[in-house]
Amino acid sequence: MTRKQGAKPANKDAATSHAASAKAGVTVRVVRLAHGHDLPMPAYHSEHAAGLDLLAAVGWDTPITLLPGSRSLVPTGLAIELPAGYEAQVRPRSGLALKSGVTVLNSPGTIDADYRGEVGVILANLGGAPFEIRRGERIAQLVVAPVVRAMLVEVEALAGTERGAGGFGSTGKASAAEAPPAAKKATAKTKPAAKRPGKKTAGTPARPRKPSRAKSQR
């Protein structure tokens, strides 16, 4: 059976449908508050970017100055409505962290699907110089992600594993008992070979010989 002219292969249709679905993503309803009405909406700045850029909704004439070691809650002028089963994570911007030491203090901050207040960003200055946050500046990223709700079940004991209760960097380190034989042999102390009586060893000066009794009686 031949394929009709102009018809698309089934796998190509599936790929196109998947791409369209991925591009559409999930719908998040957004309200721009009064102090953020003139700011651009958060946007992805590359085709495969994971995070939307959040902007600072501070006053034009009232920027926030973060002194070294200080922190501040920066408004974004936005309130969002996430669909059930999703969360939004507020993450730092790598450029701010690298260049100025400014990061999101509670990284990642979590916005639950039932929160309806303004999205705020807790910024901290871990750098050595004051940092000024001006209106419209990109201060963080917003990543929308699905959430799986866990159901906790109390039990008497947990299933055993090779790792067990080891934590805090316990994996990937070999103990002394697990060291290979060659390593053990190299670290073991070797006893010096016993010297045979009367036998000279290399590097040991010979003792002077005592004169014979016959010569001493002359």
N, C-alpha and C. Protein backbone atom coordinates (compact mmCIF):
# COMPACT_ATOMS: atom_id res chain seq x y z
N MET A 1 0.86 -1.19 0.00
CA MET A 1 0.00 0.00 0.00
C MET A 1 0.90 1.24 0.00
N THR A 2 0.64 2.13 -0.93
CA THR A 2 1.47 3.34 -1.03
C THR A 2 0.82 4.48 -0.28
N ARG A 3 1.69 5.39 0.19
CA ARG A 3 1.19 6.55 0.93
C ARG A 3 0.67 7.58 -0.06
N LYS A 4 -0.45 8.21 0.27
CA LYS A 4 -1.03 9.22 -0.61
C LYS A 4 -0.08 10.40 -0.73
N GLN A 5 -0.07 10.98 -1.92
CA GLN A 5 0.80 12.10 -2.17
C GLN A 5 0.39 13.28 -1.30
N GLY A 6 1.37 13.89 -0.64
CA GLY A 6 1.08 15.05 0.22
C GLY A 6 0.81 14.69 1.65
N ALA A 7 0.57 13.40 1.96
CA ALA A 7 0.32 13.00 3.35
C ALA A 7 1.62 12.96 4.11
N LYS A 8 1.60 13.33 5.41
CA LYS A 8 2.79 13.34 6.25
C LYS A 8 2.94 12.03 6.98
N PRO A 9 4.15 11.55 7.18
CA PRO A 9 4.34 10.32 7.94
C PRO A 9 3.80 10.48 9.35
N ALA A 10 3.37 9.35 9.94
CA ALA A 10 2.77 9.40 11.29
C ALA A 10 3.77 9.88 12.32
N ASN A 11 5.05 9.43 12.19
CA ASN A 11 6.04 9.83 13.19
C ASN A 11 6.34 11.33 13.09
N LYS A 12 6.26 11.90 11.89
CA LYS A 12 6.49 13.33 11.72
C LYS A 12 5.35 14.12 12.33
N ASP A 13 4.11 13.61 12.16
CA ASP A 13 2.96 14.28 12.77
C ASP A 13 3.09 14.28 14.28
N ALA A 14 3.54 13.14 14.85
CA ALA A 14 3.70 13.04 16.31
C ALA A 14 4.77 14.00 16.81
N ALA A 15 5.87 14.09 16.05
CA ALA A 15 6.95 14.99 16.45
C ALA A 15 6.48 16.44 16.40
N THR A 16 5.72 16.80 15.36
CA THR A 16 5.22 18.16 15.25
C THR A 16 4.25 18.49 16.37
N SER A 17 3.39 17.50 16.69
CA SER A 17 2.43 17.70 17.77
C SER A 17 3.13 17.87 19.11
N HIS A 18 4.19 17.06 19.35
CA HIS A 18 4.94 17.15 20.60
C HIS A 18 5.65 18.49 20.70
N ALA A 19 6.22 18.97 19.60
CA ALA A 19 6.92 20.25 19.61
C ALA A 19 5.95 21.40 19.90
N ALA A 20 4.76 21.32 19.29
CA ALA A 20 3.76 22.37 19.52
C ALA A 20 3.30 22.37 20.97
N SER A 21 3.13 21.15 21.52
CA SER A 21 2.71 21.04 22.92
C SER A 21 3.77 21.59 23.86
N ALA A 22 5.04 21.26 23.57
CA ALA A 22 6.14 21.73 24.42
C ALA A 22 6.25 23.25 24.34
N LYS A 23 6.03 23.81 23.15
CA LYS A 23 6.13 25.25 22.97
C LYS A 23 5.00 25.96 23.69
N ALA A 24 3.80 25.37 23.67
CA ALA A 24 2.65 25.98 24.35
C ALA A 24 2.84 25.96 25.85
N GLY A 25 3.39 24.86 26.40
CA GLY A 25 3.64 24.77 27.83
C GLY A 25 2.37 24.81 28.64
N VAL A 26 2.45 25.48 29.79
CA VAL A 26 1.32 25.58 30.71
C VAL A 26 0.90 27.03 30.83
N THR A 27 -0.37 27.27 30.99
CA THR A 27 -0.90 28.63 31.09
C THR A 27 -0.86 29.11 32.53
N VAL A 28 -0.25 30.28 32.75
CA VAL A 28 -0.18 30.91 34.07
C VAL A 28 -0.84 32.28 33.96
N ARG A 29 -1.85 32.50 34.78
CA ARG A 29 -2.54 33.80 34.77
C ARG A 29 -1.75 34.80 35.61
N VAL A 30 -1.63 36.03 35.07
CA VAL A 30 -0.79 37.05 35.71
C VAL A 30 -1.58 38.35 35.84
N VAL A 31 -1.46 38.97 37.02
CA VAL A 31 -2.03 40.30 37.25
C VAL A 31 -0.87 41.27 37.47
N ARG A 32 -0.84 42.35 36.69
CA ARG A 32 0.18 43.38 36.91
C ARG A 32 -0.38 44.38 37.93
N LEU A 33 0.31 44.52 39.05
CA LEU A 33 -0.11 45.43 40.10
C LEU A 33 0.19 46.87 39.71
N ALA A 34 -0.36 47.81 40.48
CA ALA A 34 -0.27 49.22 40.11
C ALA A 34 1.17 49.69 39.95
N HIS A 35 2.07 49.25 40.85
CA HIS A 35 3.44 49.73 40.79
C HIS A 35 4.29 49.00 39.75
N GLY A 36 3.65 48.07 39.00
CA GLY A 36 4.38 47.36 37.95
C GLY A 36 3.70 47.43 36.61
N HIS A 37 2.71 48.32 36.46
CA HIS A 37 1.89 48.32 35.25
C HIS A 37 2.67 48.70 34.00
N ASP A 38 3.73 49.50 34.13
CA ASP A 38 4.47 49.95 32.95
C ASP A 38 5.70 49.11 32.65
N LEU A 39 5.93 48.07 33.42
CA LEU A 39 7.08 47.21 33.19
C LEU A 39 6.73 46.08 32.21
N PRO A 40 7.69 45.62 31.43
CA PRO A 40 7.41 44.49 30.53
C PRO A 40 7.05 43.23 31.31
N MET A 41 6.28 42.38 30.69
CA MET A 41 5.95 41.09 31.29
C MET A 41 7.22 40.22 31.33
N PRO A 42 7.35 39.34 32.31
CA PRO A 42 8.48 38.40 32.31
C PRO A 42 8.51 37.61 31.01
N ALA A 43 9.72 37.34 30.52
CA ALA A 43 9.85 36.66 29.22
C ALA A 43 11.05 35.74 29.23
N TYR A 44 10.99 34.74 28.35
CA TYR A 44 12.15 33.88 28.09
C TYR A 44 13.03 34.59 27.07
N HIS A 45 14.33 34.61 27.32
CA HIS A 45 15.22 35.37 26.44
C HIS A 45 16.04 34.49 25.49
N SER A 46 15.72 33.21 25.43
CA SER A 46 16.29 32.34 24.40
C SER A 46 15.30 31.22 24.13
N GLU A 47 15.50 30.51 23.05
CA GLU A 47 14.52 29.51 22.61
C GLU A 47 14.31 28.41 23.64
N HIS A 48 15.37 27.98 24.29
CA HIS A 48 15.26 26.86 25.23
C HIS A 48 15.53 27.28 26.68
N ALA A 49 15.35 28.56 26.98
CA ALA A 49 15.55 29.05 28.35
C ALA A 49 14.52 28.42 29.28
N ALA A 50 14.96 28.05 30.48
CA ALA A 50 14.07 27.42 31.46
C ALA A 50 13.36 28.44 32.33
N GLY A 51 13.96 29.63 32.47
CA GLY A 51 13.40 30.61 33.40
C GLY A 51 12.96 31.90 32.73
N LEU A 52 11.88 32.46 33.27
CA LEU A 52 11.41 33.79 32.87
C LEU A 52 12.14 34.83 33.72
N ASP A 53 12.58 35.91 33.11
CA ASP A 53 13.29 36.94 33.86
C ASP A 53 12.30 37.81 34.64
N LEU A 54 12.55 37.97 35.95
CA LEU A 54 11.75 38.83 36.81
C LEU A 54 12.43 40.19 36.92
N LEU A 55 11.63 41.25 36.87
CA LEU A 55 12.15 42.61 36.92
C LEU A 55 11.83 43.26 38.26
N ALA A 56 12.68 44.18 38.66
CA ALA A 56 12.47 44.91 39.90
C ALA A 56 11.44 46.02 39.70
N ALA A 57 10.41 46.04 40.55
CA ALA A 57 9.35 47.05 40.44
C ALA A 57 9.53 48.11 41.53
N VAL A 58 10.76 48.55 41.73
CA VAL A 58 11.02 49.63 42.67
C VAL A 58 10.73 50.96 41.99
N GLY A 59 10.64 52.03 42.78
CA GLY A 59 10.34 53.34 42.20
C GLY A 59 11.47 53.86 41.34
N TRP A 60 11.10 54.69 40.35
CA TRP A 60 12.13 55.26 39.47
C TRP A 60 13.14 56.07 40.27
N ASP A 61 12.63 56.79 41.28
CA ASP A 61 13.49 57.67 42.07
C ASP A 61 13.90 57.05 43.40
N THR A 62 13.49 55.80 43.64
CA THR A 62 13.81 55.17 44.93
C THR A 62 14.42 53.78 44.71
N PRO A 63 15.61 53.71 44.12
CA PRO A 63 16.25 52.40 43.97
C PRO A 63 16.63 51.84 45.34
N ILE A 64 16.86 50.55 45.39
CA ILE A 64 17.27 49.88 46.62
C ILE A 64 18.78 49.67 46.56
N THR A 65 19.47 50.09 47.61
CA THR A 65 20.92 49.87 47.68
C THR A 65 21.20 48.75 48.67
N LEU A 66 21.78 47.68 48.17
CA LEU A 66 22.14 46.55 49.02
C LEU A 66 23.59 46.71 49.46
N LEU A 67 23.78 46.92 50.75
CA LEU A 67 25.14 46.99 51.28
C LEU A 67 25.71 45.58 51.42
N PRO A 68 27.02 45.43 51.43
CA PRO A 68 27.60 44.09 51.62
C PRO A 68 27.10 43.43 52.89
N GLY A 69 26.62 42.20 52.75
CA GLY A 69 26.09 41.46 53.89
C GLY A 69 24.63 41.73 54.20
N SER A 70 23.98 42.62 53.44
CA SER A 70 22.57 42.95 53.71
C SER A 70 21.64 42.21 52.75
N ARG A 71 20.36 42.27 53.04
CA ARG A 71 19.35 41.62 52.21
C ARG A 71 18.11 42.51 52.14
N SER A 72 17.28 42.27 51.12
CA SER A 72 16.08 43.08 50.96
C SER A 72 15.05 42.32 50.13
N LEU A 73 13.78 42.55 50.44
CA LEU A 73 12.69 41.97 49.65
C LEU A 73 12.36 42.93 48.51
N VAL A 74 12.60 42.49 47.29
CA VAL A 74 12.42 43.34 46.11
C VAL A 74 11.10 43.00 45.45
N PRO A 75 10.21 43.97 45.25
CA PRO A 75 8.92 43.70 44.60
C PRO A 75 9.08 43.50 43.10
N THR A 76 8.15 42.74 42.53
CA THR A 76 8.15 42.53 41.07
C THR A 76 6.92 43.14 40.41
N GLY A 77 5.92 43.56 41.22
CA GLY A 77 4.71 44.14 40.65
C GLY A 77 3.81 43.12 39.99
N LEU A 78 3.99 41.83 40.32
CA LEU A 78 3.21 40.76 39.69
C LEU A 78 2.57 39.86 40.74
N ALA A 79 1.38 39.38 40.42
CA ALA A 79 0.73 38.29 41.17
C ALA A 79 0.36 37.23 40.14
N ILE A 80 0.58 35.97 40.48
CA ILE A 80 0.34 34.91 39.49
C ILE A 80 -0.62 33.87 40.05
N GLU A 81 -1.25 33.16 39.12
CA GLU A 81 -2.16 32.05 39.45
C GLU A 81 -1.66 30.81 38.71
N LEU A 82 -1.01 29.94 39.46
CA LEU A 82 -0.51 28.70 38.87
C LEU A 82 -1.60 27.65 38.83
N PRO A 83 -1.63 26.79 37.81
CA PRO A 83 -2.59 25.69 37.82
C PRO A 83 -2.24 24.68 38.89
N ALA A 84 -3.23 23.94 39.36
CA ALA A 84 -2.99 22.91 40.36
C ALA A 84 -1.98 21.90 39.84
N GLY A 85 -1.08 21.48 40.72
CA GLY A 85 -0.06 20.53 40.31
C GLY A 85 1.22 21.16 39.83
N TYR A 86 1.33 22.51 39.96
CA TYR A 86 2.53 23.21 39.53
C TYR A 86 3.03 24.12 40.65
N GLU A 87 4.30 24.45 40.57
CA GLU A 87 4.92 25.44 41.45
C GLU A 87 5.75 26.37 40.59
N ALA A 88 6.16 27.50 41.18
CA ALA A 88 7.10 28.41 40.52
C ALA A 88 8.29 28.58 41.45
N GLN A 89 9.48 28.42 40.91
CA GLN A 89 10.72 28.55 41.68
C GLN A 89 11.41 29.86 41.31
N VAL A 90 11.79 30.64 42.33
CA VAL A 90 12.54 31.88 42.12
C VAL A 90 14.01 31.55 42.30
N ARG A 91 14.77 31.70 41.24
CA ARG A 91 16.19 31.32 41.24
C ARG A 91 17.08 32.52 40.94
N PRO A 92 18.34 32.47 41.38
CA PRO A 92 19.26 33.59 41.11
C PRO A 92 19.61 33.69 39.63
N ARG A 93 20.09 34.87 39.26
CA ARG A 93 20.66 35.07 37.93
C ARG A 93 22.17 34.89 38.04
N SER A 94 22.73 34.06 37.19
CA SER A 94 24.16 33.74 37.29
C SER A 94 25.04 34.98 37.07
N GLY A 95 24.60 35.90 36.21
CA GLY A 95 25.39 37.09 35.95
C GLY A 95 25.54 37.96 37.20
N LEU A 96 24.44 38.16 37.93
CA LEU A 96 24.49 38.96 39.15
C LEU A 96 25.35 38.27 40.21
N ALA A 97 25.20 36.95 40.30
CA ALA A 97 25.96 36.21 41.32
C ALA A 97 27.46 36.29 41.04
N LEU A 98 27.86 36.13 39.78
CA LEU A 98 29.28 36.11 39.44
C LEU A 98 29.91 37.50 39.52
N LYS A 99 29.24 38.49 38.95
CA LYS A 99 29.84 39.82 38.84
C LYS A 99 29.74 40.63 40.13
N SER A 100 28.62 40.47 40.85
CA SER A 100 28.39 41.35 42.00
C SER A 100 28.19 40.60 43.32
N GLY A 101 28.09 39.28 43.27
CA GLY A 101 27.85 38.52 44.50
C GLY A 101 26.43 38.64 45.01
N VAL A 102 25.49 39.05 44.14
CA VAL A 102 24.09 39.22 44.53
C VAL A 102 23.32 37.97 44.14
N THR A 103 22.59 37.40 45.11
CA THR A 103 21.91 36.13 44.86
C THR A 103 20.56 36.12 45.58
N VAL A 104 19.74 35.12 45.26
CA VAL A 104 18.47 34.92 45.95
C VAL A 104 18.76 34.17 47.24
N LEU A 105 18.41 34.77 48.37
CA LEU A 105 18.81 34.24 49.67
C LEU A 105 18.17 32.89 49.96
N ASN A 106 16.89 32.75 49.69
CA ASN A 106 16.20 31.48 49.97
C ASN A 106 16.11 30.64 48.70
N SER A 107 17.21 30.55 47.99
CA SER A 107 17.20 29.89 46.68
C SER A 107 17.04 28.37 46.79
N PRO A 108 16.11 27.78 46.00
CA PRO A 108 15.11 28.53 45.23
C PRO A 108 13.89 28.85 46.09
N GLY A 109 13.39 30.06 45.96
CA GLY A 109 12.14 30.40 46.63
C GLY A 109 10.99 29.69 45.95
N THR A 110 10.02 29.25 46.74
CA THR A 110 8.91 28.46 46.20
C THR A 110 7.62 29.26 46.25
N ILE A 111 6.92 29.31 45.11
CA ILE A 111 5.59 29.92 45.03
C ILE A 111 4.60 28.78 44.81
N ASP A 112 3.70 28.60 45.76
CA ASP A 112 2.71 27.52 45.66
C ASP A 112 1.54 27.92 44.76
N ALA A 113 0.82 26.90 44.29
CA ALA A 113 -0.27 27.14 43.35
C ALA A 113 -1.42 27.91 43.99
N ASP A 114 -1.53 27.91 45.32
CA ASP A 114 -2.64 28.61 45.96
C ASP A 114 -2.25 29.99 46.50
N TYR A 115 -1.04 30.46 46.18
CA TYR A 115 -0.61 31.79 46.63
C TYR A 115 -1.09 32.84 45.63
N ARG A 116 -1.66 33.91 46.14
CA ARG A 116 -2.20 34.96 45.29
C ARG A 116 -1.60 36.33 45.58
N GLY A 117 -0.58 36.40 46.41
CA GLY A 117 0.04 37.68 46.70
C GLY A 117 1.09 38.05 45.68
N GLU A 118 1.76 39.17 45.91
CA GLU A 118 2.79 39.64 44.99
C GLU A 118 4.01 38.73 45.05
N VAL A 119 4.61 38.50 43.91
CA VAL A 119 5.85 37.74 43.85
C VAL A 119 6.98 38.67 44.30
N GLY A 120 7.64 38.30 45.38
CA GLY A 120 8.77 39.07 45.88
C GLY A 120 10.04 38.26 45.81
N VAL A 121 11.17 38.94 45.66
CA VAL A 121 12.47 38.27 45.55
C VAL A 121 13.35 38.74 46.70
N ILE A 122 13.82 37.79 47.53
CA ILE A 122 14.72 38.14 48.63
C ILE A 122 16.15 38.11 48.09
N LEU A 123 16.70 39.29 47.85
CA LEU A 123 18.06 39.39 47.34
C LEU A 123 19.03 39.66 48.49
N ALA A 124 20.21 39.04 48.42
CA ALA A 124 21.27 39.24 49.40
C ALA A 124 22.55 39.61 48.67
N ASN A 125 23.30 40.53 49.26
CA ASN A 125 24.57 40.96 48.68
C ASN A 125 25.70 40.27 49.41
N LEU A 126 26.28 39.27 48.78
CA LEU A 126 27.41 38.55 49.34
C LEU A 126 28.74 39.08 48.82
N GLY A 127 28.68 40.14 48.04
CA GLY A 127 29.89 40.74 47.49
C GLY A 127 30.54 41.71 48.45
N GLY A 128 31.54 42.42 47.96
CA GLY A 128 32.28 43.33 48.81
C GLY A 128 31.98 44.79 48.58
N ALA A 129 31.02 45.10 47.69
CA ALA A 129 30.69 46.49 47.39
C ALA A 129 29.18 46.68 47.38
N PRO A 130 28.68 47.91 47.66
CA PRO A 130 27.23 48.16 47.58
C PRO A 130 26.71 47.89 46.18
N PHE A 131 25.45 47.42 46.11
CA PHE A 131 24.84 47.12 44.81
C PHE A 131 23.50 47.83 44.74
N GLU A 132 23.28 48.58 43.67
CA GLU A 132 22.05 49.34 43.50
C GLU A 132 21.08 48.60 42.59
N ILE A 133 19.84 48.44 43.07
CA ILE A 133 18.79 47.78 42.29
C ILE A 133 17.87 48.86 41.75
N ARG A 134 17.85 49.01 40.43
CA ARG A 134 17.06 50.06 39.79
C ARG A 134 15.79 49.46 39.17
N ARG A 135 14.83 50.31 38.90
CA ARG A 135 13.55 49.87 38.33
C ARG A 135 13.77 49.22 36.96
N GLY A 136 13.11 48.08 36.76
CA GLY A 136 13.20 47.37 35.49
C GLY A 136 14.40 46.48 35.35
N GLU A 137 15.27 46.44 36.38
CA GLU A 137 16.46 45.59 36.28
C GLU A 137 16.07 44.12 36.47
N ARG A 138 16.70 43.25 35.69
CA ARG A 138 16.45 41.81 35.83
C ARG A 138 17.14 41.30 37.09
N ILE A 139 16.37 40.76 38.02
CA ILE A 139 16.92 40.42 39.33
C ILE A 139 16.89 38.92 39.63
N ALA A 140 16.07 38.15 38.93
CA ALA A 140 15.94 36.72 39.23
C ALA A 140 15.26 36.02 38.07
N GLN A 141 15.18 34.70 38.18
CA GLN A 141 14.47 33.89 37.18
C GLN A 141 13.28 33.18 37.83
N LEU A 142 12.24 32.99 37.06
CA LEU A 142 11.05 32.27 37.53
C LEU A 142 10.90 31.01 36.70
N VAL A 143 11.01 29.85 37.33
CA VAL A 143 10.90 28.56 36.64
C VAL A 143 9.61 27.88 37.09
N VAL A 144 8.73 27.59 36.15
CA VAL A 144 7.47 26.89 36.45
C VAL A 144 7.69 25.41 36.23
N ALA A 145 7.34 24.60 37.25
CA ALA A 145 7.62 23.17 37.19
C ALA A 145 6.48 22.37 37.81
N PRO A 146 6.27 21.13 37.32
CA PRO A 146 5.24 20.28 37.93
C PRO A 146 5.67 19.80 39.30
N VAL A 147 4.68 19.50 40.13
CA VAL A 147 4.92 19.05 41.50
C VAL A 147 4.23 17.70 41.70
N VAL A 148 4.94 16.79 42.37
CA VAL A 148 4.36 15.49 42.73
C VAL A 148 4.10 15.50 44.23
N ARG A 149 2.85 15.26 44.62
CA ARG A 149 2.50 15.20 46.04
C ARG A 149 2.83 13.82 46.58
N ALA A 150 3.51 13.80 47.72
CA ALA A 150 3.91 12.53 48.32
C ALA A 150 2.90 12.09 49.38
N MET A 151 2.69 10.79 49.49
CA MET A 151 1.84 10.23 50.54
C MET A 151 2.75 9.45 51.50
N LEU A 152 2.87 9.91 52.73
CA LEU A 152 3.76 9.29 53.69
C LEU A 152 3.09 8.11 54.36
N VAL A 153 3.81 7.00 54.44
CA VAL A 153 3.30 5.78 55.08
C VAL A 153 4.29 5.39 56.17
N GLU A 154 3.83 5.33 57.42
CA GLU A 154 4.71 4.97 58.53
C GLU A 154 4.91 3.45 58.56
N VAL A 155 6.16 3.04 58.70
CA VAL A 155 6.52 1.62 58.75
C VAL A 155 7.45 1.37 59.93
N GLU A 156 7.68 0.10 60.26
CA GLU A 156 8.56 -0.26 61.36
C GLU A 156 10.04 -0.20 60.97
N ALA A 157 10.34 -0.53 59.71
CA ALA A 157 11.73 -0.53 59.26
C ALA A 157 11.78 -0.22 57.77
N LEU A 158 12.94 0.24 57.33
CA LEU A 158 13.13 0.57 55.92
C LEU A 158 13.90 -0.53 55.22
N ALA A 159 13.72 -0.63 53.92
CA ALA A 159 14.44 -1.63 53.14
C ALA A 159 15.93 -1.31 53.16
N GLY A 160 16.75 -2.34 53.27
CA GLY A 160 18.19 -2.15 53.33
C GLY A 160 18.80 -1.86 51.98
N THR A 161 19.90 -1.11 51.99
CA THR A 161 20.65 -0.81 50.77
C THR A 161 22.14 -0.94 51.06
N GLU A 162 22.94 -0.94 50.01
CA GLU A 162 24.38 -1.04 50.20
C GLU A 162 24.93 0.21 50.89
N ARG A 163 24.32 1.35 50.63
CA ARG A 163 24.78 2.59 51.25
C ARG A 163 24.37 2.69 52.72
N GLY A 164 23.17 2.26 53.02
CA GLY A 164 22.70 2.31 54.39
C GLY A 164 22.46 3.73 54.86
N ALA A 165 22.92 4.04 56.08
CA ALA A 165 22.68 5.35 56.68
C ALA A 165 23.80 6.34 56.38
N GLY A 166 24.74 6.00 55.51
CA GLY A 166 25.84 6.90 55.21
C GLY A 166 25.37 8.14 54.49
N GLY A 167 25.85 9.30 54.93
CA GLY A 167 25.47 10.55 54.30
C GLY A 167 26.58 11.57 54.39
N PHE A 168 26.30 12.79 53.90
CA PHE A 168 27.25 13.90 53.98
C PHE A 168 28.60 13.54 53.36
N GLY A 169 28.57 13.10 52.11
CA GLY A 169 29.82 12.80 51.40
C GLY A 169 30.36 11.42 51.66
N SER A 170 29.51 10.52 52.15
CA SER A 170 30.01 9.17 52.47
C SER A 170 30.20 8.32 51.22
N THR A 171 29.52 8.66 50.12
CA THR A 171 29.64 7.84 48.93
C THR A 171 30.86 8.24 48.13
N GLY A 172 31.45 7.27 47.43
CA GLY A 172 32.57 7.55 46.55
C GLY A 172 33.92 7.58 47.24
N LYS A 173 33.97 7.26 48.53
CA LYS A 173 35.22 7.23 49.25
C LYS A 173 35.52 5.80 49.71
N ALA A 174 36.68 5.28 49.35
CA ALA A 174 37.06 3.92 49.75
C ALA A 174 37.68 3.98 51.14
N SER A 175 37.27 3.07 52.01
CA SER A 175 37.83 3.02 53.35
C SER A 175 39.18 2.32 53.31
N ALA A 176 39.91 2.37 54.45
CA ALA A 176 41.22 1.73 54.50
C ALA A 176 41.11 0.22 54.31
N ALA A 177 39.99 -0.35 54.80
CA ALA A 177 39.81 -1.80 54.67
C ALA A 177 39.60 -2.20 53.22
N GLU A 178 39.08 -1.22 52.39
CA GLU A 178 38.79 -1.53 51.00
C GLU A 178 39.95 -1.17 50.08
N ALA A 179 41.08 -0.69 50.64
CA ALA A 179 42.21 -0.30 49.81
C ALA A 179 42.78 -1.51 49.10
N PRO A 180 43.23 -1.37 47.86
CA PRO A 180 43.78 -2.51 47.12
C PRO A 180 45.04 -3.03 47.79
N PRO A 181 45.37 -4.34 47.60
CA PRO A 181 46.55 -4.93 48.25
C PRO A 181 47.83 -4.18 47.96
N ALA A 182 48.00 -3.66 46.73
CA ALA A 182 49.22 -2.96 46.37
C ALA A 182 49.39 -1.72 47.24
N ALA A 183 48.26 -1.01 47.49
CA ALA A 183 48.34 0.19 48.31
C ALA A 183 48.70 -0.15 49.74
N LYS A 184 48.13 -1.27 50.26
CA LYS A 184 48.44 -1.68 51.62
C LYS A 184 49.92 -2.04 51.73
N LYS A 185 50.46 -2.75 50.72
CA LYS A 185 51.85 -3.17 50.78
C LYS A 185 52.78 -1.96 50.75
N ALA A 186 52.37 -0.90 50.01
CA ALA A 186 53.22 0.27 49.90
C ALA A 186 53.25 1.06 51.20
N THR A 187 52.14 1.02 51.95
CA THR A 187 52.08 1.79 53.17
C THR A 187 52.60 1.03 54.37
N ALA A 188 52.73 -0.29 54.25
CA ALA A 188 53.20 -1.09 55.39
C ALA A 188 54.68 -0.84 55.63
N LYS A 189 55.08 -0.83 56.92
CA LYS A 189 56.48 -0.62 57.26
C LYS A 189 57.25 -1.93 57.07
N THR A 190 58.40 -1.84 56.41
CA THR A 190 59.22 -3.05 56.19
C THR A 190 60.33 -3.09 57.20
N LYS A 191 60.60 -4.27 57.75
CA LYS A 191 61.66 -4.44 58.74
C LYS A 191 63.01 -4.57 58.04
N PRO A 192 64.06 -3.93 58.59
CA PRO A 192 65.39 -4.07 57.96
C PRO A 192 65.89 -5.50 58.08
N ALA A 193 66.62 -5.93 57.05
CA ALA A 193 67.14 -7.30 57.04
C ALA A 193 68.16 -7.47 58.17
N ALA A 194 68.13 -8.65 58.83
CA ALA A 194 69.05 -8.92 59.94
C ALA A 194 70.47 -9.08 59.41
N LYS A 195 71.43 -8.50 60.12
CA LYS A 195 72.83 -8.57 59.71
C LYS A 195 73.46 -9.88 60.21
N ARG A 196 74.24 -10.51 59.36
CA ARG A 196 74.98 -11.70 59.77
C ARG A 196 76.28 -11.29 60.48
N PRO A 197 76.60 -11.99 61.54
CA PRO A 197 77.82 -11.62 62.25
C PRO A 197 79.05 -11.78 61.38
N GLY A 198 79.92 -10.76 61.44
CA GLY A 198 81.18 -10.83 60.71
C GLY A 198 81.09 -10.44 59.27
N LYS A 199 79.90 -10.16 58.77
CA LYS A 199 79.74 -9.83 57.35
C LYS A 199 79.59 -8.34 57.19
N LYS A 200 80.46 -7.74 56.35
CA LYS A 200 80.40 -6.31 56.14
C LYS A 200 79.26 -5.97 55.19
N THR A 201 78.60 -4.87 55.51
CA THR A 201 77.56 -4.39 54.61
C THR A 201 78.10 -3.20 53.83
N ALA A 202 77.47 -2.93 52.71
CA ALA A 202 77.95 -1.86 51.84
C ALA A 202 77.89 -0.54 52.56
N GLY A 203 78.95 0.23 52.48
CA GLY A 203 78.96 1.55 53.08
C GLY A 203 79.41 1.56 54.52
N THR A 204 79.71 0.38 55.15
CA THR A 204 80.12 0.33 56.54
C THR A 204 81.64 0.25 56.60
N PRO A 205 82.32 1.21 57.27
CA PRO A 205 83.79 1.17 57.32
C PRO A 205 84.29 -0.03 58.10
N ALA A 206 85.41 -0.61 57.63
CA ALA A 206 85.97 -1.79 58.32
C ALA A 206 86.65 -1.37 59.61
N ARG A 207 86.53 -2.23 60.62
CA ARG A 207 87.17 -1.93 61.91
C ARG A 207 88.67 -2.16 61.78
N PRO A 208 89.51 -1.32 62.47
CA PRO A 208 90.98 -1.53 62.42
C PRO A 208 91.37 -2.85 63.08
N ARG A 209 92.30 -3.55 62.49
CA ARG A 209 92.72 -4.85 63.01
C ARG A 209 93.73 -4.65 64.14
N LYS A 210 93.58 -5.45 65.21
CA LYS A 210 94.50 -5.37 66.34
C LYS A 210 95.84 -6.00 65.97
N PRO A 211 96.91 -5.36 66.45
CA PRO A 211 98.24 -5.97 66.15
C PRO A 211 98.37 -7.33 66.80
N SER A 212 99.09 -8.22 66.14
CA SER A 212 99.27 -9.59 66.70
C SER A 212 100.16 -9.54 67.93
N ARG A 213 99.99 -10.56 68.79
CA ARG A 213 100.73 -10.63 70.02
C ARG A 213 102.22 -10.78 69.76
N ALA A 214 102.60 -11.46 68.69
CA ALA A 214 104.02 -11.67 68.38
C ALA A 214 104.70 -10.35 68.09
N LYS A 215 104.10 -9.47 67.33
CA LYS A 215 104.69 -8.21 67.01
C LYS A 215 104.78 -7.29 68.22
N SER A 216 103.77 -7.36 69.11
CA SER A 216 103.80 -6.50 70.30
C SER A 216 104.86 -6.89 71.28
N GLN A 217 105.37 -8.16 71.24
CA GLN A 217 106.40 -8.60 72.18
C GLN A 217 107.79 -8.25 71.69
N ARG A 218 107.93 -7.76 70.50
CA ARG A 218 109.25 -7.39 69.99
C ARG A 218 109.74 -6.09 70.63
